[in-house]
Amino acid sequence: MDNQFPQNTSNKILIESLSDVERAAFYRKTYAHVAGGVLTFILFEYLLLQSETIVEFMLSMTEGYKWLLMLGGFMLATRYAESLAMKTTDKNTQYLGYGIYIFFQALIFVPLIFIAAFYMESGGEILYQAAIVTLGLFTGLSAVVLMTKSDFSFLKTGLTIGFFIAIGLIIAGTIFGFSLGLWFSVAMCLLAGGSILYQTSNLVKTYGVDDYIPAALGLFASLMLLFWYVLSIFMSRD
């Protein structure tokens, strides 16, 4: 999870050293960019779903070992995008990294959203409900941290272990052909929620006053992880 934070904070004016008014301005910029990321994600998703070639290719990549290849490519692409946004102060490069990250998130969501929207009886309703629940949870968790000013940095070790276990289970499930099931999705929602708490509480300790784009990328990543598994839970009920 360390890759989700700027690598050099020695020359930054950290948020924790600012006044409440200046912190509020940073938070507004950060969450405005998260909201912008969500809107851009919706746009990318809509455009990708218009291409029959892309949809068929992405659906074919969900079969067997191809899904592991897809996940590996996704992780490499998003890691590169994160490095663009996190390791520079140039705003154009940061926006480029954020945009690339959003695009690949939209790309990997294509099979899940296509199946929900076009193969399930109440697909539109499922997508709407999952989106509302996800945004509600994200807003609530963020508000808890920002209003109480609680420190959730202690979650880092548990989240790191949890993500490694999750990756191992996904690989094992693909290799041996077993379904991870509903409870895995529930556990991943809890993991995503913990990531939101952790990242939100670390805004003031990690980021500089001009790091609202990298901060937004980190929160957006946790939001998308939560949405994936909330949507998976809703689809399992249909």
C-alpha atoms as a PDB file:
ATOM      1  CA  MET A   1       0.000   0.000   0.000  1.00  0.00           C
ATOM      2  CA  ASP A   2       2.974   2.308   0.318  1.00  0.00           C
ATOM      3  CA  ASN A   3       2.935   2.927  -3.415  1.00  0.00           C
ATOM      4  CA  GLN A   4      -0.241   4.933  -2.923  1.00  0.00           C
ATOM      5  CA  PHE A   5       1.612   7.753  -1.216  1.00  0.00           C
ATOM      6  CA  PRO A   6       4.182  10.298  -2.399  1.00  0.00           C
ATOM      7  CA  GLN A   7       7.685   9.002  -1.977  1.00  0.00           C
ATOM      8  CA  ASN A   8       9.342  12.215  -0.794  1.00  0.00           C
ATOM      9  CA  THR A   9       7.735  14.363   1.884  1.00  0.00           C
ATOM     10  CA  SER A  10      10.890  16.024   3.223  1.00  0.00           C
ATOM     11  CA  ASN A  11      10.375  19.241   1.251  1.00  0.00           C
ATOM     12  CA  LYS A  12       6.583  19.328   1.434  1.00  0.00           C
ATOM     13  CA  ILE A  13       4.362  21.496   3.578  1.00  0.00           C
ATOM     14  CA  LEU A  14       2.308  18.697   5.133  1.00  0.00           C
ATOM     15  CA  ILE A  15      -1.405  19.140   5.705  1.00  0.00           C
ATOM     16  CA  GLU A  16      -1.064  18.559   9.464  1.00  0.00           C
ATOM     17  CA  SER A  17       0.941  21.813   9.730  1.00  0.00           C
ATOM     18  CA  LEU A  18      -1.785  23.935   8.130  1.00  0.00           C
ATOM     19  CA  SER A  19      -4.660  25.815   9.687  1.00  0.00           C
ATOM     20  CA  ASP A  20      -8.164  24.327   9.736  1.00  0.00           C
ATOM     21  CA  VAL A  21      -9.221  26.625   6.897  1.00  0.00           C
ATOM     22  CA  GLU A  22      -6.293  25.538   4.710  1.00  0.00           C
ATOM     23  CA  ARG A  23      -6.954  21.884   5.511  1.00  0.00           C
ATOM     24  CA  ALA A  24     -10.578  22.296   4.522  1.00  0.00           C
ATOM     25  CA  ALA A  25      -9.479  23.778   1.194  1.00  0.00           C
ATOM     26  CA  PHE A  26      -7.202  20.757   0.601  1.00  0.00           C
ATOM     27  CA  TYR A  27     -10.013  18.352   1.435  1.00  0.00           C
ATOM     28  CA  ARG A  28     -12.374  20.134  -0.952  1.00  0.00           C
ATOM     29  CA  LYS A  29      -9.839  19.874  -3.781  1.00  0.00           C
ATOM     30  CA  THR A  30      -9.132  16.219  -3.002  1.00  0.00           C
ATOM     31  CA  TYR A  31     -12.754  15.103  -2.883  1.00  0.00           C
ATOM     32  CA  ALA A  32     -13.627  17.222  -5.908  1.00  0.00           C
ATOM     33  CA  HIS A  33     -10.985  15.262  -7.806  1.00  0.00           C
ATOM     34  CA  VAL A  34     -12.395  11.981  -6.462  1.00  0.00           C
ATOM     35  CA  ALA A  35     -15.817  13.061  -7.764  1.00  0.00           C
ATOM     36  CA  GLY A  36     -14.220  14.031 -11.068  1.00  0.00           C
ATOM     37  CA  GLY A  37     -12.591  10.610 -11.200  1.00  0.00           C
ATOM     38  CA  VAL A  38     -15.969   8.927 -10.712  1.00  0.00           C
ATOM     39  CA  LEU A  39     -17.530  10.960 -13.535  1.00  0.00           C
ATOM     40  CA  THR A  40     -14.576  10.201 -15.809  1.00  0.00           C
ATOM     41  CA  PHE A  41     -14.876   6.510 -14.913  1.00  0.00           C
ATOM     42  CA  ILE A  42     -18.563   6.573 -15.932  1.00  0.00           C
ATOM     43  CA  LEU A  43     -17.649   8.240 -19.235  1.00  0.00           C
ATOM     44  CA  PHE A  44     -14.869   5.746 -19.977  1.00  0.00           C
ATOM     45  CA  GLU A  45     -17.139   2.845 -19.032  1.00  0.00           C
ATOM     46  CA  TYR A  46     -19.904   4.061 -21.332  1.00  0.00           C
ATOM     47  CA  LEU A  47     -17.505   4.456 -24.261  1.00  0.00           C
ATOM     48  CA  LEU A  48     -15.873   1.062 -23.684  1.00  0.00           C
ATOM     49  CA  LEU A  49     -19.242  -0.688 -23.549  1.00  0.00           C
ATOM     50  CA  GLN A  50     -20.108   0.763 -26.960  1.00  0.00           C
ATOM     51  CA  SER A  51     -17.325  -1.306 -28.539  1.00  0.00           C
ATOM     52  CA  GLU A  52     -18.409  -4.879 -29.226  1.00  0.00           C
ATOM     53  CA  THR A  53     -14.774  -5.831 -29.838  1.00  0.00           C
ATOM     54  CA  ILE A  54     -13.631  -4.573 -26.446  1.00  0.00           C
ATOM     55  CA  VAL A  55     -16.568  -6.193 -24.638  1.00  0.00           C
ATOM     56  CA  GLU A  56     -16.000  -9.569 -26.300  1.00  0.00           C
ATOM     57  CA  PHE A  57     -12.264  -9.413 -25.607  1.00  0.00           C
ATOM     58  CA  MET A  58     -12.746  -8.512 -21.945  1.00  0.00           C
ATOM     59  CA  LEU A  59     -15.370 -11.239 -21.485  1.00  0.00           C
ATOM     60  CA  SER A  60     -13.002 -13.785 -23.040  1.00  0.00           C
ATOM     61  CA  MET A  61     -10.282 -12.738 -20.582  1.00  0.00           C
ATOM     62  CA  THR A  62     -12.410 -13.784 -17.590  1.00  0.00           C
ATOM     63  CA  GLU A  63     -11.993 -17.451 -18.474  1.00  0.00           C
ATOM     64  CA  GLY A  64      -9.475 -19.531 -16.524  1.00  0.00           C
ATOM     65  CA  TYR A  65      -5.829 -18.493 -16.584  1.00  0.00           C
ATOM     66  CA  LYS A  66      -6.615 -15.541 -18.848  1.00  0.00           C
ATOM     67  CA  TRP A  67      -8.123 -13.766 -15.856  1.00  0.00           C
ATOM     68  CA  LEU A  68      -4.818 -14.013 -13.994  1.00  0.00           C
ATOM     69  CA  LEU A  69      -3.066 -12.532 -17.017  1.00  0.00           C
ATOM     70  CA  MET A  70      -5.634  -9.739 -17.071  1.00  0.00           C
ATOM     71  CA  LEU A  71      -5.179  -9.032 -13.364  1.00  0.00           C
ATOM     72  CA  GLY A  72      -1.406  -9.017 -13.779  1.00  0.00           C
ATOM     73  CA  GLY A  73      -1.616  -6.565 -16.662  1.00  0.00           C
ATOM     74  CA  PHE A  74      -4.049  -4.422 -14.704  1.00  0.00           C
ATOM     75  CA  MET A  75      -1.713  -4.292 -11.702  1.00  0.00           C
ATOM     76  CA  LEU A  76       1.267  -3.324 -13.874  1.00  0.00           C
ATOM     77  CA  ALA A  77      -0.705  -0.620 -15.676  1.00  0.00           C
ATOM     78  CA  THR A  78      -2.146   0.880 -12.503  1.00  0.00           C
ATOM     79  CA  ARG A  79       1.233   0.748 -10.771  1.00  0.00           C
ATOM     80  CA  TYR A  80       2.701   2.733 -13.665  1.00  0.00           C
ATOM     81  CA  ALA A  81      -0.162   5.227 -13.479  1.00  0.00           C
ATOM     82  CA  GLU A  82       0.326   5.590  -9.727  1.00  0.00           C
ATOM     83  CA  SER A  83       4.035   6.240 -10.199  1.00  0.00           C
ATOM     84  CA  LEU A  84       3.240   9.051 -12.655  1.00  0.00           C
ATOM     85  CA  ALA A  85       0.888  10.701 -10.184  1.00  0.00           C
ATOM     86  CA  MET A  86       2.823  10.066  -6.979  1.00  0.00           C
ATOM     87  CA  LYS A  87       6.439  10.743  -7.877  1.00  0.00           C
ATOM     88  CA  THR A  88       6.210  14.176  -9.444  1.00  0.00           C
ATOM     89  CA  THR A  89       4.947  17.636  -8.606  1.00  0.00           C
ATOM     90  CA  ASP A  90       4.081  18.434 -12.222  1.00  0.00           C
ATOM     91  CA  LYS A  91       0.299  18.758 -12.391  1.00  0.00           C
ATOM     92  CA  ASN A  92       0.048  17.706 -16.059  1.00  0.00           C
ATOM     93  CA  THR A  93       1.908  14.474 -15.301  1.00  0.00           C
ATOM     94  CA  GLN A  94      -0.218  13.881 -12.216  1.00  0.00           C
ATOM     95  CA  TYR A  95      -3.402  14.321 -14.226  1.00  0.00           C
ATOM     96  CA  LEU A  96      -2.035  11.978 -16.890  1.00  0.00           C
ATOM     97  CA  GLY A  97      -1.337   9.311 -14.286  1.00  0.00           C
ATOM     98  CA  TYR A  98      -4.766   9.772 -12.725  1.00  0.00           C
ATOM     99  CA  GLY A  99      -6.431   9.545 -16.128  1.00  0.00           C
ATOM    100  CA  ILE A 100      -4.553   6.357 -17.053  1.00  0.00           C
ATOM    101  CA  TYR A 101      -5.486   4.851 -13.707  1.00  0.00           C
ATOM    102  CA  ILE A 102      -9.188   5.641 -14.208  1.00  0.00           C
ATOM    103  CA  PHE A 103      -9.122   4.218 -17.746  1.00  0.00           C
ATOM    104  CA  PHE A 104      -7.744   0.861 -16.627  1.00  0.00           C
ATOM    105  CA  GLN A 105     -10.218   0.729 -13.768  1.00  0.00           C
ATOM    106  CA  ALA A 106     -13.005   1.256 -16.297  1.00  0.00           C
ATOM    107  CA  LEU A 107     -11.506  -1.399 -18.579  1.00  0.00           C
ATOM    108  CA  ILE A 108     -11.365  -4.114 -15.940  1.00  0.00           C
ATOM    109  CA  PHE A 109     -14.927  -3.301 -14.866  1.00  0.00           C
ATOM    110  CA  VAL A 110     -16.253  -3.965 -18.404  1.00  0.00           C
ATOM    111  CA  PRO A 111     -17.102  -7.683 -17.901  1.00  0.00           C
ATOM    112  CA  LEU A 112     -18.746  -7.159 -14.503  1.00  0.00           C
ATOM    113  CA  ILE A 113     -20.869  -4.184 -15.559  1.00  0.00           C
ATOM    114  CA  PHE A 114     -21.758  -5.729 -18.925  1.00  0.00           C
ATOM    115  CA  ILE A 115     -23.015  -8.908 -17.251  1.00  0.00           C
ATOM    116  CA  ALA A 116     -24.937  -6.907 -14.643  1.00  0.00           C
ATOM    117  CA  ALA A 117     -26.495  -4.553 -17.182  1.00  0.00           C
ATOM    118  CA  PHE A 118     -27.318  -6.917 -20.032  1.00  0.00           C
ATOM    119  CA  TYR A 119     -27.560 -10.445 -18.637  1.00  0.00           C
ATOM    120  CA  MET A 120     -29.375  -9.924 -15.352  1.00  0.00           C
ATOM    121  CA  GLU A 121     -33.107  -9.373 -15.135  1.00  0.00           C
ATOM    122  CA  SER A 122     -32.857  -6.265 -12.940  1.00  0.00           C
ATOM    123  CA  GLY A 123     -29.405  -5.173 -14.095  1.00  0.00           C
ATOM    124  CA  GLY A 124     -30.049  -1.431 -14.164  1.00  0.00           C
ATOM    125  CA  GLU A 125     -31.522  -1.507 -10.675  1.00  0.00           C
ATOM    126  CA  ILE A 126     -28.623  -3.596  -9.376  1.00  0.00           C
ATOM    127  CA  LEU A 127     -26.065  -1.125 -10.749  1.00  0.00           C
ATOM    128  CA  TYR A 128     -27.972   1.814  -9.271  1.00  0.00           C
ATOM    129  CA  GLN A 129     -28.315   0.193  -5.843  1.00  0.00           C
ATOM    130  CA  ALA A 130     -24.666  -0.898  -5.750  1.00  0.00           C
ATOM    131  CA  ALA A 131     -23.506   2.603  -6.717  1.00  0.00           C
ATOM    132  CA  ILE A 132     -25.675   4.247  -4.037  1.00  0.00           C
ATOM    133  CA  VAL A 133     -24.508   1.844  -1.326  1.00  0.00           C
ATOM    134  CA  THR A 134     -20.862   2.276  -2.342  1.00  0.00           C
ATOM    135  CA  LEU A 135     -21.021   6.078  -2.346  1.00  0.00           C
ATOM    136  CA  GLY A 136     -22.927   6.022   0.941  1.00  0.00           C
ATOM    137  CA  LEU A 137     -20.328   3.823   2.619  1.00  0.00           C
ATOM    138  CA  PHE A 138     -17.443   5.851   1.194  1.00  0.00           C
ATOM    139  CA  THR A 139     -18.997   9.140   2.332  1.00  0.00           C
ATOM    140  CA  GLY A 140     -19.825   7.782   5.765  1.00  0.00           C
ATOM    141  CA  LEU A 141     -16.384   6.294   6.398  1.00  0.00           C
ATOM    142  CA  SER A 142     -14.643   9.446   5.180  1.00  0.00           C
ATOM    143  CA  ALA A 143     -16.896  11.617   7.361  1.00  0.00           C
ATOM    144  CA  VAL A 144     -16.132   9.511  10.445  1.00  0.00           C
ATOM    145  CA  VAL A 145     -12.404  10.099  10.001  1.00  0.00           C
ATOM    146  CA  LEU A 146     -12.585  13.783   9.090  1.00  0.00           C
ATOM    147  CA  MET A 147     -15.098  14.701  11.801  1.00  0.00           C
ATOM    148  CA  THR A 148     -13.540  12.691  14.641  1.00  0.00           C
ATOM    149  CA  LYS A 149      -9.920  13.201  13.455  1.00  0.00           C
ATOM    150  CA  SER A 150      -9.243   9.598  14.452  1.00  0.00           C
ATOM    151  CA  ASP A 151      -5.949   7.951  13.567  1.00  0.00           C
ATOM    152  CA  PHE A 152      -6.399   4.702  11.664  1.00  0.00           C
ATOM    153  CA  SER A 153      -2.740   4.245  10.728  1.00  0.00           C
ATOM    154  CA  PHE A 154      -2.711   1.085  12.881  1.00  0.00           C
ATOM    155  CA  LEU A 155      -4.706  -0.630  10.116  1.00  0.00           C
ATOM    156  CA  LYS A 156      -1.741  -0.659   7.713  1.00  0.00           C
ATOM    157  CA  THR A 157      -0.302  -4.045   8.711  1.00  0.00           C
ATOM    158  CA  GLY A 158      -3.686  -5.753   8.777  1.00  0.00           C
ATOM    159  CA  LEU A 159      -4.649  -4.313   5.397  1.00  0.00           C
ATOM    160  CA  THR A 160      -1.364  -5.376   3.818  1.00  0.00           C
ATOM    161  CA  ILE A 161      -1.757  -8.941   5.107  1.00  0.00           C
ATOM    162  CA  GLY A 162      -5.406  -8.979   4.064  1.00  0.00           C
ATOM    163  CA  PHE A 163      -4.645  -7.889   0.515  1.00  0.00           C
ATOM    164  CA  PHE A 164      -1.916 -10.529   0.131  1.00  0.00           C
ATOM    165  CA  ILE A 165      -4.310 -13.221   1.406  1.00  0.00           C
ATOM    166  CA  ALA A 166      -6.989 -11.993  -1.020  1.00  0.00           C
ATOM    167  CA  ILE A 167      -4.600 -12.124  -3.973  1.00  0.00           C
ATOM    168  CA  GLY A 168      -3.545 -15.637  -2.954  1.00  0.00           C
ATOM    169  CA  LEU A 169      -7.178 -16.785  -2.767  1.00  0.00           C
ATOM    170  CA  ILE A 170      -7.980 -15.255  -6.155  1.00  0.00           C
ATOM    171  CA  ILE A 171      -5.005 -17.043  -7.732  1.00  0.00           C
ATOM    172  CA  ALA A 172      -5.896 -20.334  -6.018  1.00  0.00           C
ATOM    173  CA  GLY A 173      -9.532 -20.032  -7.054  1.00  0.00           C
ATOM    174  CA  THR A 174      -8.542 -19.468 -10.677  1.00  0.00           C
ATOM    175  CA  ILE A 175      -6.018 -22.317 -10.761  1.00  0.00           C
ATOM    176  CA  PHE A 176      -8.159 -24.908  -8.977  1.00  0.00           C
ATOM    177  CA  GLY A 177     -11.492 -23.753 -10.358  1.00  0.00           C
ATOM    178  CA  PHE A 178     -13.449 -23.011  -7.182  1.00  0.00           C
ATOM    179  CA  SER A 179     -15.701 -20.045  -6.539  1.00  0.00           C
ATOM    180  CA  LEU A 180     -14.709 -17.684  -3.746  1.00  0.00           C
ATOM    181  CA  GLY A 181     -18.367 -16.984  -3.025  1.00  0.00           C
ATOM    182  CA  LEU A 182     -20.404 -14.386  -1.211  1.00  0.00           C
ATOM    183  CA  TRP A 183     -18.405 -14.286   2.003  1.00  0.00           C
ATOM    184  CA  PHE A 184     -15.216 -13.475   0.140  1.00  0.00           C
ATOM    185  CA  SER A 185     -16.976 -10.446  -1.377  1.00  0.00           C
ATOM    186  CA  VAL A 186     -18.162  -9.426   2.097  1.00  0.00           C
ATOM    187  CA  ALA A 187     -14.629  -9.753   3.462  1.00  0.00           C
ATOM    188  CA  MET A 188     -13.272  -7.676   0.571  1.00  0.00           C
ATOM    189  CA  CYS A 189     -15.852  -4.964   1.292  1.00  0.00           C
ATOM    190  CA  LEU A 190     -14.572  -4.858   4.870  1.00  0.00           C
ATOM    191  CA  LEU A 191     -11.010  -4.688   3.557  1.00  0.00           C
ATOM    192  CA  ALA A 192     -11.931  -1.856   1.181  1.00  0.00           C
ATOM    193  CA  GLY A 193     -13.676  -0.029   4.013  1.00  0.00           C
ATOM    194  CA  GLY A 194     -10.576  -0.349   6.161  1.00  0.00           C
ATOM    195  CA  SER A 195      -8.497   1.008   3.280  1.00  0.00           C
ATOM    196  CA  ILE A 196     -10.772   4.063   3.047  1.00  0.00           C
ATOM    197  CA  LEU A 197     -10.416   4.694   6.789  1.00  0.00           C
ATOM    198  CA  TYR A 198      -6.644   4.275   6.586  1.00  0.00           C
ATOM    199  CA  GLN A 199      -6.130   6.482   3.565  1.00  0.00           C
ATOM    200  CA  THR A 200      -8.441   9.213   4.819  1.00  0.00           C
ATOM    201  CA  SER A 201      -6.757   9.382   8.223  1.00  0.00           C
ATOM    202  CA  ASN A 202      -3.351   9.582   6.541  1.00  0.00           C
ATOM    203  CA  LEU A 203      -4.218  12.556   4.333  1.00  0.00           C
ATOM    204  CA  VAL A 204      -2.851  15.039   6.862  1.00  0.00           C
ATOM    205  CA  LYS A 205       0.284  13.018   7.652  1.00  0.00           C
ATOM    206  CA  THR A 206       1.461  12.048   4.196  1.00  0.00           C
ATOM    207  CA  TYR A 207       0.452  14.611   1.618  1.00  0.00           C
ATOM    208  CA  GLY A 208       1.661  18.115   0.944  1.00  0.00           C
ATOM    209  CA  VAL A 209      -0.583  21.069   0.283  1.00  0.00           C
ATOM    210  CA  ASP A 210      -0.327  20.558  -3.503  1.00  0.00           C
ATOM    211  CA  ASP A 211      -0.803  16.767  -3.453  1.00  0.00           C
ATOM    212  CA  TYR A 212      -4.572  16.723  -3.880  1.00  0.00           C
ATOM    213  CA  ILE A 213      -4.337  14.737  -7.142  1.00  0.00           C
ATOM    214  CA  PRO A 214      -2.270  11.860  -5.671  1.00  0.00           C
ATOM    215  CA  ALA A 215      -4.511  11.938  -2.592  1.00  0.00           C
ATOM    216  CA  ALA A 216      -7.592  11.671  -4.794  1.00  0.00           C
ATOM    217  CA  LEU A 217      -6.081   8.745  -6.709  1.00  0.00           C
ATOM    218  CA  GLY A 218      -5.502   6.784  -3.495  1.00  0.00           C
ATOM    219  CA  LEU A 219      -9.080   7.361  -2.315  1.00  0.00           C
ATOM    220  CA  PHE A 220     -10.476   6.600  -5.779  1.00  0.00           C
ATOM    221  CA  ALA A 221      -8.641   3.258  -5.800  1.00  0.00           C
ATOM    222  CA  SER A 222     -10.267   2.233  -2.507  1.00  0.00           C
ATOM    223  CA  LEU A 223     -13.659   3.452  -3.738  1.00  0.00           C
ATOM    224  CA  MET A 224     -13.427   1.315  -6.875  1.00  0.00           C
ATOM    225  CA  LEU A 225     -12.382  -1.744  -4.875  1.00  0.00           C
ATOM    226  CA  LEU A 226     -15.423  -1.253  -2.652  1.00  0.00           C
ATOM    227  CA  PHE A 227     -17.723  -0.800  -5.663  1.00  0.00           C
ATOM    228  CA  TRP A 228     -16.461  -4.001  -7.313  1.00  0.00           C
ATOM    229  CA  TYR A 229     -17.365  -6.164  -4.330  1.00  0.00           C
ATOM    230  CA  VAL A 230     -20.584  -4.355  -3.402  1.00  0.00           C
ATOM    231  CA  LEU A 231     -21.727  -4.906  -6.988  1.00  0.00           C
ATOM    232  CA  SER A 232     -20.634  -8.544  -6.771  1.00  0.00           C
ATOM    233  CA  ILE A 233     -22.773  -9.005  -3.651  1.00  0.00           C
ATOM    234  CA  PHE A 234     -25.825  -7.439  -5.309  1.00  0.00           C
ATOM    235  CA  MET A 235     -25.343  -9.613  -8.408  1.00  0.00           C
ATOM    236  CA  SER A 236     -25.167 -12.761  -6.292  1.00  0.00           C
ATOM    237  CA  ARG A 237     -28.701 -12.074  -5.016  1.00  0.00           C
ATOM    238  CA  ASP A 238     -30.286 -11.914  -8.453  1.00  0.00           C
END
